[in-house]
Amino acid sequence: MSVTLHTTFGDIKLEVFCEGVPKTAENFLALCAQGAYDSTPFHRIIPGFMVQGGDISQSTKPFTDTTIPKGGTSIWGQPFEDEIRTPALRHNSRGIASMANKGPGTNGSQFFITFKEANHLDGQNTVFARVIGGEQEGGPLDRLENVAVDKKGRPQEQKIFIDRVTPRIEGTVEIRPAVGTAPVNISFITISLHKKETIHSAADSVTKKHLAAPRKDIVDVIGKEMLLYRCPSGRDHEEIASMDLPFVIFIPFGRGAQETHRKVPPASLQLPSRTAETYYELVVQVQQGRSDQKKYTFSVPISRFDTLSTFGMYNRRETKEEVSDHIVTLQSSIDRWSYGPLDPIRVDIRLIPNMNAMHKAKRVTIQKITIGIEEEIVYDHEGDEPRRKSKTLIKKSETIGMKLPEPLFATSLGMVFPAKDLRDSDGVLPRSKPAFPLYAVHGFTTTANLYKIEYYLTVKAHLKDAKDIYLKQPIVVCPWDLAGCRAEMEAIEQAAKDASHVDATNPMLPSARIIRGNDPDALHCLGVTMVGKVRKPLID
């Protein structure tokens, strides 16, 4: 997910690593959507190092009636723990956004953006985003770095503010007569976005389906219900021939456990046998007079783009190792850690003997090495009785049959990430259901309220005269292959440009177009005109 910081010096677009650091991302996005960061200053600038902001206690536009402590606070009203477990999220370049803190477990609202790599902060501060717009030469980040500051890094001549952020869904509700050209009675019209989640972990087995607990589901309203039209005061309704009502739904994230909107919205997904699914609907409610109320639902497939393999955060070598009996170390390394359907995966593997136990290591025989991809689904992961299911998507073995050499043993194994063949017997791709994007994978990395899906690269060294070594290395699975990710990046870039001009407090929507039944051109808007006393199709 991404947000745009509209600052005094221009727009800074941030890609937020929702999957890598979910709690930190939730906190940051929630504060953004509440307007907590609106009109807060960048209060500390150190050229060649970083710019720091996010002290929501300094906001000139109060967003809450409660007192904010000096220095700011999290959405939970207290400090929260670090999330430094993802090794790829490092302070290794310009434009890295990270949480400011006073020591371990003291994160609140303040954050900083690096002007250059700051490797000494790795393991101390939680990286949660990176700049994907605004880092160009002469751009907002350059202008921030060149601001004159005093000895404490405080801007001397002017304050630099974060003005606002803009996550949203926009469109138009069109109202027309269902039959003929007779006007319809309209009292009011509202629109809202609903998210529906369901799980039934036993649905993949006919036997277990009837014995297990019933399907569990929840429905949340994302954002607020928006009133699009209300008839004049004192009247039950108006006779309407035609309506075009533009709307924007801004997606907020709540402040605490009492609110249901605090989670970063997951992508639309339907697992095989509907063991888990998430889908969204726009719900339009039309009140026609005192007693007649109708609801119209429109499926809205929602995609998440924070797992694209083209993002720089995923294109760095990652290494993991495990030790067997203090005799042999197994080490695996991958060039990148986000993959989509049919993407090639190369794993570099090394087996290293313990030089202090060479008399034992020399007797070890490497029988074979197995690599694979494992999918792990946790149902009801936030409940009292979470249920975990794992399955191997693909596995490949290579026979070695040799003694462990003294310096090390090294090899590379490859495989192709599995894809679900969606074609029928005639080779035709079916249309996806309106609520779900058509993906060529069974699932992808995601976290919802009722379930989460994670993936691991597994490596196992089968040894003789030593215990087998097994390791699991986390990876991210994307719905698109590498070529598809490159295409999506262009769309994201255009969306970022479009979003930079949107103001949440004044979205500047087009004017509503309302044609009443007694308007002179009421029939014309429906493509009809009167010829004598007969209604005829209107030809422009």
Protein backbone atom coordinates (compact mmCIF):
# COMPACT_ATOMS: atom_id res chain seq x y z
CA MET A 1 0.00 0.00 0.00
CA SER A 2 1.18 3.55 -0.63
CA VAL A 3 0.41 7.03 0.70
CA THR A 4 1.36 10.50 -0.43
CA LEU A 5 2.73 13.06 2.02
CA HIS A 6 1.74 16.48 0.70
CA THR A 7 4.51 18.69 2.12
CA THR A 8 5.51 22.32 1.90
CA PHE A 9 8.15 21.38 -0.71
CA GLY A 10 6.02 19.01 -2.77
CA ASP A 11 4.63 15.48 -2.65
CA ILE A 12 6.57 12.52 -1.23
CA LYS A 13 5.10 9.13 -2.19
CA LEU A 14 5.77 6.29 0.27
CA GLU A 15 5.43 2.56 -0.41
CA VAL A 16 4.43 1.04 2.96
CA PHE A 17 5.62 -2.51 3.71
CA CYS A 18 2.33 -3.79 5.14
CA GLU A 19 3.24 -7.48 4.99
CA GLY A 20 6.78 -7.13 6.32
CA VAL A 21 5.93 -4.96 9.35
CA PRO A 22 2.13 -5.25 9.80
CA LYS A 23 1.81 -3.56 13.20
CA THR A 24 4.06 -0.61 12.30
CA ALA A 25 2.23 -0.21 8.98
CA GLU A 26 -1.14 -0.33 10.73
CA ASN A 27 -0.04 2.40 13.13
CA PHE A 28 1.37 4.67 10.42
CA LEU A 29 -1.57 4.28 8.02
CA ALA A 30 -4.09 4.72 10.82
CA LEU A 31 -2.49 7.99 11.90
CA CYS A 32 -2.36 9.13 8.27
CA ALA A 33 -6.01 8.37 7.62
CA GLN A 34 -7.18 10.06 10.82
CA GLY A 35 -5.40 13.25 9.80
CA ALA A 36 -3.03 12.98 12.78
CA TYR A 37 -0.04 13.92 10.60
CA ASP A 38 -1.86 16.82 8.92
CA SER A 39 -0.02 20.13 9.52
CA THR A 40 2.76 18.49 11.55
CA PRO A 41 6.31 19.81 11.00
CA PHE A 42 9.51 18.11 9.97
CA HIS A 43 11.19 19.31 13.15
CA ARG A 44 14.69 17.87 12.70
CA ILE A 45 16.87 17.86 9.58
CA ILE A 46 20.45 16.56 9.44
CA PRO A 47 21.90 16.98 5.91
CA GLY A 48 23.60 13.84 4.71
CA PHE A 49 21.66 11.74 7.23
CA MET A 50 17.88 12.17 7.58
CA VAL A 51 14.77 14.33 8.06
CA GLN A 52 12.51 13.60 11.04
CA GLY A 53 8.82 14.36 11.59
CA GLY A 54 5.59 12.83 12.80
CA ASP A 55 5.25 14.52 16.20
CA ILE A 56 1.44 14.61 16.14
CA SER A 57 1.37 16.71 19.33
CA GLN A 58 2.61 19.64 17.21
CA SER A 59 -0.23 19.47 14.68
CA THR A 60 -1.87 22.86 14.05
CA LYS A 61 -5.12 21.05 13.12
CA PRO A 62 -6.29 19.04 16.15
CA PHE A 63 -7.78 15.71 15.03
CA THR A 64 -8.98 14.48 18.44
CA ASP A 65 -10.37 15.87 21.69
CA THR A 66 -7.90 13.86 23.78
CA THR A 67 -4.58 15.35 24.86
CA ILE A 68 -1.63 14.08 22.83
CA PRO A 69 1.56 13.70 24.91
CA LYS A 70 4.62 15.66 23.87
CA GLY A 71 6.49 13.81 21.16
CA GLY A 72 3.35 12.07 19.89
CA THR A 73 1.96 8.59 20.48
CA SER A 74 0.76 5.49 18.64
CA ILE A 75 -2.85 4.67 17.74
CA TRP A 76 -2.99 2.52 20.88
CA GLY A 77 -2.01 5.42 23.13
CA GLN A 78 1.19 3.73 24.26
CA PRO A 79 4.57 2.68 22.79
CA PHE A 80 4.68 -0.53 20.77
CA GLU A 81 7.38 -3.07 20.01
CA ASP A 82 9.92 -3.04 17.18
CA GLU A 83 9.47 -5.19 14.05
CA ILE A 84 13.05 -5.83 12.95
CA ARG A 85 12.62 -9.52 12.12
CA THR A 86 12.53 -9.03 8.32
CA PRO A 87 16.17 -8.99 7.22
CA ALA A 88 15.55 -7.30 3.86
CA LEU A 89 14.20 -4.12 5.48
CA ARG A 90 17.38 -2.16 6.08
CA HIS A 91 18.60 1.44 6.05
CA ASN A 92 20.64 0.75 2.94
CA SER A 93 19.73 3.61 0.60
CA ARG A 94 18.35 7.11 0.27
CA GLY A 95 14.59 7.45 0.87
CA ILE A 96 14.12 4.77 3.55
CA ALA A 97 11.33 5.60 6.06
CA SER A 98 11.90 4.25 9.58
CA MET A 99 10.40 4.68 13.03
CA ALA A 100 12.13 7.06 15.44
CA ASN A 101 12.47 5.74 18.97
CA LYS A 102 14.16 6.19 22.33
CA GLY A 103 15.30 2.58 22.59
CA PRO A 104 13.81 -0.90 22.09
CA GLY A 105 10.00 -1.04 22.12
CA THR A 106 9.38 2.73 22.27
CA ASN A 107 7.75 3.40 18.88
CA GLY A 108 5.04 6.04 18.73
CA SER A 109 4.19 8.34 15.82
CA GLN A 110 7.54 9.90 14.88
CA PHE A 111 9.47 8.67 11.86
CA PHE A 112 12.40 9.74 9.71
CA ILE A 113 13.41 9.48 6.04
CA THR A 114 17.06 8.89 5.18
CA PHE A 115 19.08 11.11 2.85
CA LYS A 116 21.64 8.32 2.38
CA GLU A 117 22.26 4.80 3.66
CA ALA A 118 22.50 4.50 7.46
CA ASN A 119 23.57 0.92 8.10
CA HIS A 120 24.38 1.67 11.76
CA LEU A 121 20.61 1.89 12.41
CA ASP A 122 19.91 -1.67 11.21
CA GLY A 123 18.58 -3.68 14.13
CA GLN A 124 17.75 -0.53 16.12
CA ASN A 125 14.92 1.14 14.17
CA THR A 126 11.98 -0.44 12.31
CA VAL A 127 12.01 0.22 8.56
CA PHE A 128 8.39 0.46 7.37
CA ALA A 129 8.40 2.24 3.98
CA ARG A 130 10.49 3.70 1.20
CA VAL A 131 10.13 6.75 -1.04
CA ILE A 132 8.86 5.91 -4.55
CA GLY A 133 8.03 9.46 -5.61
CA GLY A 134 9.73 12.72 -4.66
CA GLU A 135 13.33 11.48 -4.46
CA GLN A 136 14.31 12.81 -7.90
CA GLU A 137 17.01 15.44 -8.26
CA GLY A 138 15.61 18.82 -7.25
CA GLY A 139 12.55 17.13 -5.76
CA PRO A 140 11.04 17.46 -2.26
CA LEU A 141 13.69 15.26 -0.60
CA ASP A 142 16.51 17.32 -2.12
CA ARG A 143 14.83 20.56 -1.04
CA LEU A 144 14.38 19.24 2.50
CA GLU A 145 18.06 18.33 2.73
CA ASN A 146 19.09 21.85 1.65
CA VAL A 147 17.03 23.68 4.30
CA ALA A 148 19.13 25.87 6.58
CA VAL A 149 19.14 24.47 10.14
CA ASP A 150 20.61 25.39 13.51
CA LYS A 151 23.04 23.31 15.56
CA LYS A 152 20.21 21.06 16.77
CA GLY A 153 18.95 20.38 13.25
CA ARG A 154 15.89 22.64 13.55
CA PRO A 155 14.85 24.58 10.41
CA GLN A 156 15.84 28.23 10.93
CA GLU A 157 13.77 30.33 8.57
CA GLN A 158 10.59 28.36 7.88
CA LYS A 159 8.72 25.34 9.08
CA ILE A 160 8.17 22.47 6.68
CA PHE A 161 4.83 20.71 7.13
CA ILE A 162 3.11 17.49 6.12
CA ASP A 163 -0.22 18.81 4.88
CA ARG A 164 -2.33 15.66 4.30
CA VAL A 165 -2.57 12.09 2.93
CA THR A 166 -5.15 10.61 0.53
CA PRO A 167 -6.19 6.90 0.40
CA ARG A 168 -9.55 6.70 -1.43
CA ILE A 169 -12.04 5.03 -3.82
CA GLU A 170 -13.90 7.22 -6.31
CA GLY A 171 -16.62 6.80 -8.91
CA THR A 172 -20.16 7.84 -9.93
CA VAL A 173 -23.59 6.50 -8.99
CA GLU A 174 -25.99 6.69 -11.93
CA ILE A 175 -29.78 6.56 -11.37
CA ARG A 176 -32.17 5.92 -14.30
CA PRO A 177 -35.79 4.62 -14.57
CA ALA A 178 -35.80 0.82 -14.77
CA VAL A 179 -38.70 0.68 -17.24
CA GLY A 180 -39.81 3.36 -19.71
CA THR A 181 -39.29 7.04 -19.02
CA ALA A 182 -41.51 7.64 -15.99
CA PRO A 183 -39.67 9.56 -13.22
CA VAL A 184 -38.82 7.69 -10.01
CA ASN A 185 -39.45 8.93 -6.49
CA ILE A 186 -36.19 9.51 -4.58
CA SER A 187 -35.91 10.54 -0.90
CA PHE A 188 -32.20 9.99 -0.30
CA ILE A 189 -29.24 7.96 -1.61
CA THR A 190 -26.19 6.71 0.32
CA ILE A 191 -23.13 4.65 -0.61
CA SER A 192 -20.69 2.63 1.50
CA LEU A 193 -17.94 0.07 1.00
CA HIS A 194 -18.41 -3.32 2.72
CA LYS A 195 -15.73 -5.95 3.29
CA LYS A 196 -16.85 -9.55 3.81
CA GLU A 197 -14.53 -12.27 5.11
CA THR A 198 -15.32 -15.95 5.58
CA ILE A 199 -13.35 -19.02 6.63
CA HIS A 200 -14.18 -22.71 6.64
CA SER A 201 -10.92 -24.58 7.04
CA ALA A 202 -12.55 -28.01 6.62
CA ALA A 203 -14.33 -27.19 3.36
CA ASP A 204 -11.57 -28.83 1.29
CA SER A 205 -12.75 -32.25 2.55
CA VAL A 206 -16.31 -33.51 2.02
CA THR A 207 -16.11 -35.62 5.20
CA LYS A 208 -14.61 -32.97 7.44
CA LYS A 209 -16.94 -30.29 6.09
CA HIS A 210 -19.94 -31.88 7.82
CA LEU A 211 -18.10 -32.64 11.06
CA ALA A 212 -16.21 -29.38 11.54
CA ALA A 213 -17.43 -26.05 12.91
CA PRO A 214 -19.66 -24.08 10.53
CA ARG A 215 -18.35 -21.36 8.27
CA LYS A 216 -17.34 -18.21 10.14
CA ASP A 217 -17.79 -14.80 8.60
CA ILE A 218 -17.58 -11.11 9.42
CA VAL A 219 -18.77 -7.97 7.63
CA ASP A 220 -17.13 -4.58 8.11
CA VAL A 221 -17.91 -1.16 6.68
CA ILE A 222 -14.70 0.35 5.30
CA GLY A 223 -14.72 4.07 5.88
CA LYS A 224 -17.97 5.95 6.38
CA GLU A 225 -21.33 5.78 4.69
CA MET A 226 -21.58 8.76 2.33
CA LEU A 227 -24.83 10.68 1.77
CA LEU A 228 -25.04 11.43 -1.96
CA TYR A 229 -28.48 13.02 -2.16
CA ARG A 230 -31.37 14.08 0.08
CA CYS A 231 -34.62 15.60 -1.12
CA PRO A 232 -35.50 19.15 0.04
CA SER A 233 -36.66 19.60 3.61
CA GLY A 234 -40.37 19.16 4.15
CA ARG A 235 -40.85 16.76 1.25
CA ASP A 236 -41.02 12.96 1.27
CA HIS A 237 -39.42 12.61 -2.14
CA GLU A 238 -38.62 14.22 -5.47
CA GLU A 239 -39.53 12.90 -8.92
CA ILE A 240 -36.22 12.22 -10.65
CA ALA A 241 -35.68 11.44 -14.33
CA SER A 242 -31.91 11.01 -14.17
CA MET A 243 -29.04 11.34 -11.67
CA ASP A 244 -25.23 11.20 -11.88
CA LEU A 245 -23.76 11.47 -8.36
CA PRO A 246 -19.93 11.52 -8.08
CA PHE A 247 -18.45 10.12 -4.85
CA VAL A 248 -15.15 9.60 -3.07
CA ILE A 249 -14.82 7.14 -0.17
CA PHE A 250 -11.73 7.88 1.89
CA ILE A 251 -10.47 4.78 3.67
CA PRO A 252 -9.68 5.51 7.33
CA PHE A 253 -7.95 3.29 9.90
CA GLY A 254 -9.32 3.45 13.46
CA ARG A 255 -7.52 4.29 16.68
CA GLY A 256 -8.09 1.19 18.75
CA ALA A 257 -9.81 -2.06 19.60
CA GLN A 258 -13.26 -0.47 19.84
CA GLU A 259 -13.18 0.38 16.14
CA THR A 260 -13.42 -2.23 13.40
CA HIS A 261 -11.68 -0.22 10.66
CA ARG A 262 -8.15 -0.34 12.07
CA LYS A 263 -6.69 -3.06 9.82
CA VAL A 264 -4.97 -2.42 6.53
CA PRO A 265 -7.54 -3.77 4.03
CA PRO A 266 -6.47 -7.13 2.56
CA ALA A 267 -6.77 -7.94 -1.15
CA SER A 268 -9.76 -9.76 -2.61
CA LEU A 269 -9.12 -13.51 -2.54
CA GLN A 270 -11.00 -16.79 -2.82
CA LEU A 271 -9.11 -19.97 -1.94
CA PRO A 272 -10.07 -23.33 -3.49
CA SER A 273 -13.26 -24.83 -1.98
CA ARG A 274 -13.84 -21.40 -0.41
CA THR A 275 -11.84 -22.35 2.67
CA ALA A 276 -11.13 -18.62 3.00
CA GLU A 277 -12.22 -15.58 1.06
CA THR A 278 -12.29 -11.81 1.20
CA TYR A 279 -14.44 -9.71 -1.10
CA TYR A 280 -15.71 -6.14 -1.25
CA GLU A 281 -18.99 -4.60 -2.31
CA LEU A 282 -20.12 -1.05 -2.89
CA VAL A 283 -23.59 -0.85 -1.33
CA VAL A 284 -25.94 1.85 -2.68
CA GLN A 285 -29.07 2.43 -0.61
CA VAL A 286 -31.98 4.20 -2.32
CA GLN A 287 -34.94 5.41 -0.23
CA GLN A 288 -38.04 5.91 -2.38
CA GLY A 289 -40.68 7.56 -0.26
CA ARG A 290 -41.44 6.61 3.33
CA SER A 291 -41.61 2.82 3.05
CA ASP A 292 -39.83 1.68 -0.11
CA GLN A 293 -36.11 1.12 0.41
CA LYS A 294 -33.82 -0.73 -1.99
CA LYS A 295 -30.17 -1.80 -1.72
CA TYR A 296 -27.95 -2.41 -4.73
CA THR A 297 -24.60 -4.14 -4.38
CA PHE A 298 -21.69 -3.95 -6.81
CA SER A 299 -18.68 -6.24 -6.47
CA VAL A 300 -15.36 -4.39 -6.27
CA PRO A 301 -12.23 -6.53 -6.65
CA ILE A 302 -9.43 -4.92 -4.63
CA SER A 303 -5.78 -5.66 -5.27
CA ARG A 304 -2.72 -4.98 -3.11
CA PHE A 305 0.53 -3.98 -4.74
CA ASP A 306 2.98 -4.11 -1.83
CA THR A 307 4.26 -7.57 -2.85
CA LEU A 308 5.35 -6.69 -6.43
CA SER A 309 8.65 -8.42 -7.17
CA THR A 310 9.82 -5.28 -8.99
CA PHE A 311 10.04 -3.32 -5.72
CA GLY A 312 13.65 -2.79 -4.68
CA MET A 313 13.07 -4.14 -1.17
CA TYR A 314 12.55 -7.64 -2.59
CA ASN A 315 15.51 -7.61 -4.97
CA ARG A 316 18.27 -8.11 -2.44
CA ARG A 317 20.08 -11.31 -1.61
CA GLU A 318 18.74 -13.02 1.51
CA THR A 319 20.57 -15.73 3.44
CA LYS A 320 19.51 -18.12 6.20
CA GLU A 321 21.44 -20.88 7.98
CA GLU A 322 20.91 -23.80 10.37
CA VAL A 323 23.41 -26.03 12.21
CA SER A 324 23.33 -29.82 12.77
CA ASP A 325 24.98 -31.29 15.90
CA HIS A 326 27.48 -28.39 15.87
CA ILE A 327 29.19 -30.30 13.06
CA VAL A 328 27.69 -28.96 9.81
CA THR A 329 26.11 -25.63 8.89
CA LEU A 330 23.52 -25.45 6.12
CA GLN A 331 23.29 -22.06 4.40
CA SER A 332 20.76 -21.08 1.72
CA SER A 333 20.75 -17.86 -0.29
CA ILE A 334 18.30 -16.39 -2.84
CA ASP A 335 18.76 -13.36 -5.11
CA ARG A 336 15.27 -11.99 -4.42
CA TRP A 337 12.39 -13.00 -2.18
CA SER A 338 9.17 -12.10 -4.02
CA TYR A 339 7.89 -14.53 -6.65
CA GLY A 340 4.84 -14.95 -8.84
CA PRO A 341 3.43 -17.73 -11.05
CA LEU A 342 6.05 -19.41 -13.28
CA ASP A 343 8.86 -17.19 -11.95
CA PRO A 344 12.22 -19.04 -11.82
CA ILE A 345 13.69 -19.58 -8.34
CA ARG A 346 17.40 -20.16 -7.87
CA VAL A 347 18.72 -21.32 -4.49
CA ASP A 348 22.44 -21.20 -3.69
CA ILE A 349 23.26 -23.82 -1.05
CA ARG A 350 26.39 -24.31 1.01
CA LEU A 351 27.27 -26.98 3.56
CA ILE A 352 30.10 -25.82 5.80
CA PRO A 353 31.90 -28.15 8.26
CA ASN A 354 32.76 -26.93 11.75
CA MET A 355 36.53 -26.53 11.60
CA ASN A 356 36.74 -27.26 15.33
CA ALA A 357 35.09 -30.66 14.82
CA MET A 358 36.71 -31.78 11.60
CA HIS A 359 37.33 -35.31 12.94
CA LYS A 360 33.53 -35.76 13.02
CA ALA A 361 32.71 -33.65 9.95
CA LYS A 362 34.98 -35.78 7.72
CA ARG A 363 32.75 -38.80 8.33
CA VAL A 364 29.58 -37.00 7.18
CA THR A 365 28.14 -38.02 3.81
CA ILE A 366 25.82 -35.71 1.86
CA GLN A 367 23.15 -38.06 0.50
CA LYS A 368 20.83 -35.57 -1.22
CA ILE A 369 19.47 -32.04 -1.00
CA THR A 370 15.77 -31.20 -1.31
CA ILE A 371 14.25 -27.77 -1.92
CA GLY A 372 10.58 -26.82 -2.01
CA ILE A 373 7.88 -24.16 -1.51
CA GLU A 374 5.56 -24.48 1.49
CA GLU A 375 2.25 -22.65 1.93
CA GLU A 376 1.03 -22.07 5.47
CA ILE A 377 -2.52 -20.84 6.15
CA VAL A 378 -3.56 -19.86 9.67
CA TYR A 379 -7.34 -19.70 10.11
CA ASP A 380 -8.78 -17.47 12.84
CA HIS A 381 -5.23 -16.38 13.71
CA GLU A 382 -6.50 -13.70 16.08
CA GLY A 383 -8.98 -16.01 17.82
CA ASP A 384 -8.66 -18.32 20.81
CA GLU A 385 -8.21 -21.47 18.72
CA PRO A 386 -6.26 -20.71 15.55
CA ARG A 387 -5.98 -23.60 13.06
CA ARG A 388 -2.82 -23.99 11.01
CA LYS A 389 -2.62 -25.87 7.71
CA SER A 390 0.56 -26.40 5.71
CA LYS A 391 1.10 -27.98 2.33
CA THR A 392 4.04 -28.33 -0.04
CA LEU A 393 3.37 -26.69 -3.41
CA ILE A 394 6.48 -28.00 -5.15
CA LYS A 395 9.50 -30.09 -4.21
CA LYS A 396 12.75 -30.94 -6.01
CA SER A 397 15.60 -33.23 -4.92
CA GLU A 398 19.14 -33.71 -6.17
CA THR A 399 21.25 -36.72 -5.24
CA ILE A 400 24.78 -35.82 -4.09
CA GLY A 401 26.33 -39.02 -2.63
CA MET A 402 29.68 -37.65 -1.50
CA LYS A 403 31.64 -36.94 1.65
CA LEU A 404 31.51 -33.42 3.05
CA PRO A 405 34.63 -31.68 1.66
CA GLU A 406 36.86 -29.81 4.09
CA PRO A 407 36.42 -26.17 3.05
CA LEU A 408 32.73 -26.41 2.05
CA PHE A 409 30.26 -27.95 -0.36
CA ALA A 410 28.41 -25.54 -2.68
CA THR A 411 25.72 -26.08 -5.27
CA SER A 412 22.79 -24.27 -6.88
CA LEU A 413 19.33 -25.71 -7.42
CA GLY A 414 16.48 -24.22 -9.41
CA MET A 415 12.75 -24.64 -9.78
CA VAL A 416 9.79 -22.75 -11.24
CA PHE A 417 7.14 -21.33 -8.93
CA PRO A 418 3.96 -23.37 -9.50
CA ALA A 419 0.95 -21.83 -11.22
CA LYS A 420 -2.65 -22.93 -11.34
CA ASP A 421 -3.71 -23.69 -14.92
CA LEU A 422 -7.00 -21.84 -15.29
CA ARG A 423 -7.75 -23.03 -18.84
CA ASP A 424 -10.58 -25.46 -19.52
CA SER A 425 -10.32 -28.59 -21.71
CA ASP A 426 -10.52 -26.41 -24.84
CA GLY A 427 -7.71 -24.16 -23.66
CA VAL A 428 -10.03 -21.21 -22.97
CA LEU A 429 -9.51 -18.98 -19.93
CA PRO A 430 -12.78 -18.51 -18.00
CA ARG A 431 -13.96 -15.10 -16.85
CA SER A 432 -13.33 -14.45 -13.19
CA LYS A 433 -16.20 -13.72 -10.84
CA PRO A 434 -16.76 -9.96 -10.51
CA ALA A 435 -15.74 -10.00 -6.86
CA PHE A 436 -12.36 -11.64 -7.44
CA PRO A 437 -9.44 -10.76 -9.72
CA LEU A 438 -8.36 -13.59 -12.02
CA TYR A 439 -5.09 -14.84 -10.55
CA ALA A 440 -3.05 -17.78 -11.82
CA VAL A 441 -1.99 -18.83 -8.33
CA HIS A 442 -3.93 -20.60 -5.60
CA GLY A 443 -3.11 -17.85 -3.11
CA PHE A 444 -0.62 -15.14 -2.26
CA THR A 445 0.94 -13.53 0.79
CA THR A 446 -1.79 -11.70 2.70
CA THR A 447 -3.16 -11.04 6.18
CA ALA A 448 -6.90 -10.61 6.86
CA ASN A 449 -8.92 -10.54 10.08
CA LEU A 450 -9.88 -14.22 9.90
CA TYR A 451 -6.86 -15.74 8.17
CA LYS A 452 -3.32 -15.15 7.00
CA ILE A 453 -1.27 -16.85 4.30
CA GLU A 454 2.52 -17.14 4.44
CA TYR A 455 5.06 -18.87 2.22
CA TYR A 456 8.46 -20.41 2.88
CA LEU A 457 11.35 -21.69 0.82
CA THR A 458 12.40 -24.99 2.41
CA VAL A 459 15.84 -26.60 2.13
CA LYS A 460 16.73 -30.00 3.59
CA ALA A 461 20.15 -31.62 3.59
CA HIS A 462 19.92 -35.41 4.00
CA LEU A 463 23.09 -36.48 5.80
CA LYS A 464 24.70 -39.70 7.00
CA ASP A 465 26.63 -39.72 10.31
CA ALA A 466 24.96 -36.41 11.25
CA LYS A 467 21.39 -35.24 11.76
CA ASP A 468 19.54 -33.99 8.69
CA ILE A 469 19.36 -30.21 8.52
CA TYR A 470 16.12 -28.45 7.64
CA LEU A 471 15.52 -24.71 7.27
CA LYS A 472 12.58 -22.52 6.30
CA GLN A 473 13.26 -19.16 4.68
CA PRO A 474 10.32 -16.70 4.45
CA ILE A 475 9.42 -15.51 0.96
CA VAL A 476 6.65 -13.33 -0.44
CA VAL A 477 4.26 -14.64 -3.10
CA CYS A 478 2.81 -12.10 -5.52
CA PRO A 479 -0.28 -12.65 -7.73
CA TRP A 480 1.68 -11.56 -10.82
CA ASP A 481 4.83 -12.84 -12.45
CA LEU A 482 7.83 -10.56 -12.94
CA ALA A 483 6.60 -9.28 -16.33
CA GLY A 484 3.18 -8.55 -14.86
CA CYS A 485 4.76 -6.69 -11.94
CA ARG A 486 6.63 -4.41 -14.34
CA ALA A 487 3.36 -3.56 -16.09
CA GLU A 488 1.65 -2.84 -12.75
CA MET A 489 4.45 -0.44 -11.78
CA GLU A 490 3.44 1.87 -14.64
CA ALA A 491 -0.16 1.91 -13.41
CA ILE A 492 1.00 2.63 -9.85
CA GLU A 493 3.12 5.54 -11.06
CA GLN A 494 0.12 7.08 -12.85
CA ALA A 495 -2.12 6.50 -9.80
CA ALA A 496 0.44 8.25 -7.62
CA LYS A 497 0.38 11.28 -9.92
CA ASP A 498 -3.44 11.35 -9.86
CA ALA A 499 -3.53 11.05 -6.06
CA SER A 500 -1.13 13.93 -5.51
CA HIS A 501 -3.87 16.47 -6.34
CA VAL A 502 -6.59 15.07 -4.07
CA ASP A 503 -7.48 16.87 -0.84
CA ALA A 504 -9.36 14.72 1.70
CA THR A 505 -11.06 17.78 3.19
CA ASN A 506 -12.08 19.13 -0.21
CA PRO A 507 -11.90 16.40 -2.88
CA MET A 508 -13.17 18.74 -5.61
CA LEU A 509 -15.72 16.30 -7.02
CA PRO A 510 -17.51 17.07 -10.30
CA SER A 511 -20.93 18.57 -9.77
CA ALA A 512 -23.85 16.17 -9.40
CA ARG A 513 -26.10 16.05 -12.46
CA ILE A 514 -29.74 15.83 -11.40
CA ILE A 515 -32.59 15.97 -13.91
CA ARG A 516 -36.02 16.23 -12.27
CA GLY A 517 -39.16 14.90 -13.82
CA ASN A 518 -40.57 18.38 -14.55
CA ASP A 519 -37.37 19.75 -16.13
CA PRO A 520 -37.77 20.77 -19.81
CA ASP A 521 -35.04 18.38 -20.99
CA ALA A 522 -36.05 15.46 -18.74
CA LEU A 523 -36.91 13.23 -21.71
CA HIS A 524 -33.82 14.24 -23.68
CA CYS A 525 -31.50 12.92 -20.98
CA LEU A 526 -33.12 9.50 -21.45
CA GLY A 527 -32.64 9.58 -25.23
CA VAL A 528 -36.32 10.36 -25.95
CA THR A 529 -38.13 13.36 -27.44
CA MET A 530 -41.76 14.31 -28.19
CA VAL A 531 -42.86 14.41 -31.84
CA GLY A 532 -46.39 15.72 -31.79
CA LYS A 533 -47.82 13.75 -28.89
CA VAL A 534 -45.71 10.65 -29.54
CA ARG A 535 -42.42 9.80 -27.84
CA LYS A 536 -39.63 9.03 -30.30
CA PRO A 537 -35.94 8.10 -29.92
CA LEU A 538 -33.77 11.21 -29.82
CA ILE A 539 -31.09 11.45 -32.52
CA ASP A 540 -28.41 14.08 -31.84
